[in-house]
């Protein structure tokens, strides 16, 4: 049941990425180009996502446990340290250079484009490397 729900959630997320245009790197890079041909579509996606997330979290936290698990698993540390800031900076730099973050990159694998596949392979290698250090 967990895999079925996770797959359904991933499918809904992927369809949302495609419909919103967030699977197109040009849209993301256009949003980051504030001094040039700025594209506000990502801003509108964020403006829709924030209230949905706020409502969703309030609804979920009213429960004593998730539907398919014994309890919630939350990060234990709330510290903002060098590793967190460096990781966020690397993520942002990669996103700005490639125009993809992990979700849209995985969705874009369906395009069959070699650069997208190379990006996802590099992303997986990076995750594996990060786990080791």
Protein backbone atom coordinates (compact mmCIF):
# COMPACT_ATOMS: atom_id res chain seq x y z
CA UNK A 1 0.00 0.00 0.00
CA UNK A 2 2.88 2.39 0.79
CA UNK A 3 4.38 1.86 -2.67
CA UNK A 4 1.02 2.36 -4.36
CA UNK A 5 0.37 5.64 -2.54
CA UNK A 6 3.96 6.81 -3.09
CA UNK A 7 3.65 6.02 -6.80
CA UNK A 8 0.33 7.83 -7.04
CA UNK A 9 1.74 10.86 -5.21
CA UNK A 10 4.76 10.86 -7.53
CA UNK A 11 2.51 10.64 -10.58
CA UNK A 12 0.38 13.56 -9.39
CA UNK A 13 3.53 15.57 -8.63
CA UNK A 14 4.98 14.79 -12.06
CA UNK A 15 1.78 15.77 -13.86
CA UNK A 16 1.71 19.00 -11.85
CA UNK A 17 5.31 19.74 -12.84
CA UNK A 18 4.52 19.19 -16.51
CA UNK A 19 1.27 21.20 -16.45
CA UNK A 20 2.91 24.12 -14.62
CA UNK A 21 5.86 24.16 -17.01
CA UNK A 22 8.35 23.48 -14.22
CA UNK A 23 9.77 20.49 -16.12
CA UNK A 24 11.08 22.95 -18.71
CA UNK A 25 14.46 24.39 -17.70
CA UNK A 26 13.78 27.52 -19.77
CA UNK A 27 10.92 28.44 -17.41
CA UNK A 28 13.10 28.05 -14.31
CA UNK A 29 16.05 29.87 -15.87
CA UNK A 30 13.66 32.62 -17.04
CA UNK A 31 12.54 33.08 -13.43
CA UNK A 32 16.15 33.39 -12.28
CA UNK A 33 16.89 35.97 -15.02
CA UNK A 34 15.57 38.96 -13.07
CA UNK A 35 17.69 41.43 -15.05
CA UNK A 36 16.62 40.11 -18.46
CA UNK A 37 13.54 38.36 -19.82
CA UNK A 38 12.05 37.53 -16.43
CA UNK A 39 9.39 34.78 -16.46
CA UNK A 40 7.11 34.93 -13.38
CA UNK A 41 5.50 31.49 -13.83
CA UNK A 42 7.60 29.87 -11.09
CA UNK A 43 6.51 32.61 -8.70
CA UNK A 44 2.85 31.77 -9.39
CA UNK A 45 3.54 28.07 -8.79
CA UNK A 46 5.17 28.94 -5.45
CA UNK A 47 2.29 31.26 -4.52
CA UNK A 48 -0.12 28.36 -5.07
CA UNK A 49 2.09 25.78 -3.34
CA UNK A 50 2.69 27.68 -0.09
CA UNK A 51 -0.96 27.90 1.07
CA UNK A 52 -1.63 24.30 0.02
CA UNK A 53 1.41 23.18 2.02
CA UNK A 54 0.41 25.27 5.04
CA UNK A 55 -3.09 23.78 5.06
CA UNK A 56 -1.73 20.28 4.45
CA UNK A 57 0.72 20.47 7.34
CA UNK A 58 -1.94 21.77 9.73
CA UNK A 59 -4.22 18.90 8.70
CA UNK A 60 -1.48 16.24 8.99
CA UNK A 61 -0.18 17.44 12.38
CA UNK A 62 -3.62 16.93 13.89
CA UNK A 63 -3.10 13.20 13.50
CA UNK A 64 -1.18 11.17 16.07
CA UNK A 65 0.58 9.17 13.33
CA UNK A 66 0.68 8.93 9.54
CA UNK A 67 -1.78 6.58 7.85
CA UNK A 68 0.80 3.97 6.88
CA UNK A 69 3.47 4.30 9.57
CA UNK A 70 3.81 4.06 13.32
CA UNK A 71 4.89 7.66 13.73
CA UNK A 72 6.30 10.74 12.11
CA UNK A 73 10.04 10.81 11.38
CA UNK A 74 11.33 14.33 11.74
CA UNK A 75 14.89 15.62 11.62
CA UNK A 76 16.36 15.75 15.09
CA UNK A 77 18.68 18.67 14.42
CA UNK A 78 17.39 22.19 13.81
CA UNK A 79 20.87 23.68 13.62
CA UNK A 80 21.87 25.83 10.69
CA UNK A 81 25.48 24.83 10.14
CA UNK A 82 28.09 25.01 7.39
CA UNK A 83 27.04 21.66 5.90
CA UNK A 84 23.42 22.77 5.59
CA UNK A 85 24.29 26.13 4.05
CA UNK A 86 26.88 24.56 1.70
CA UNK A 87 24.39 21.90 0.60
CA UNK A 88 21.71 24.51 -0.05
CA UNK A 89 24.19 26.63 -2.00
CA UNK A 90 25.28 23.65 -4.12
CA UNK A 91 21.64 22.77 -4.78
CA UNK A 92 20.88 26.35 -5.82
CA UNK A 93 23.94 26.60 -8.04
CA UNK A 94 23.10 23.31 -9.74
CA UNK A 95 19.48 24.36 -10.17
CA UNK A 96 20.52 27.69 -11.65
CA UNK A 97 23.06 26.14 -14.02
CA UNK A 98 20.92 23.23 -15.24
CA UNK A 99 17.43 24.63 -14.79
CA UNK A 100 16.37 21.40 -13.10
CA UNK A 101 15.88 20.35 -9.52
CA UNK A 102 15.51 16.61 -8.76
CA UNK A 103 11.75 16.28 -9.33
CA UNK A 104 11.60 17.95 -12.74
CA UNK A 105 14.83 16.19 -13.76
CA UNK A 106 13.25 12.80 -13.11
CA UNK A 107 10.07 13.81 -14.94
CA UNK A 108 12.15 15.04 -17.88
CA UNK A 109 13.81 11.64 -18.30
CA UNK A 110 10.74 10.80 -20.39
CA UNK A 111 12.00 13.29 -22.99
CA UNK A 112 14.83 10.88 -23.82
CA UNK A 113 17.30 13.77 -24.13
CA UNK A 114 20.88 12.74 -23.39
CA UNK A 115 21.72 15.89 -21.34
CA UNK A 116 18.78 15.14 -18.99
CA UNK A 117 19.95 11.56 -18.54
CA UNK A 118 23.51 12.78 -17.89
CA UNK A 119 22.19 15.24 -15.31
CA UNK A 120 20.23 12.54 -13.47
CA UNK A 121 23.21 10.17 -13.48
CA UNK A 122 25.41 12.96 -12.10
CA UNK A 123 22.75 13.75 -9.50
CA UNK A 124 22.61 10.10 -8.37
CA UNK A 125 26.41 9.88 -8.21
CA UNK A 126 26.44 13.09 -6.15
CA UNK A 127 23.88 11.69 -3.72
CA UNK A 128 25.88 8.49 -3.38
CA UNK A 129 29.05 10.51 -2.78
CA UNK A 130 27.29 12.71 -0.21
CA UNK A 131 26.12 9.62 1.68
CA UNK A 132 29.71 8.46 1.96
CA UNK A 133 30.96 11.72 3.47
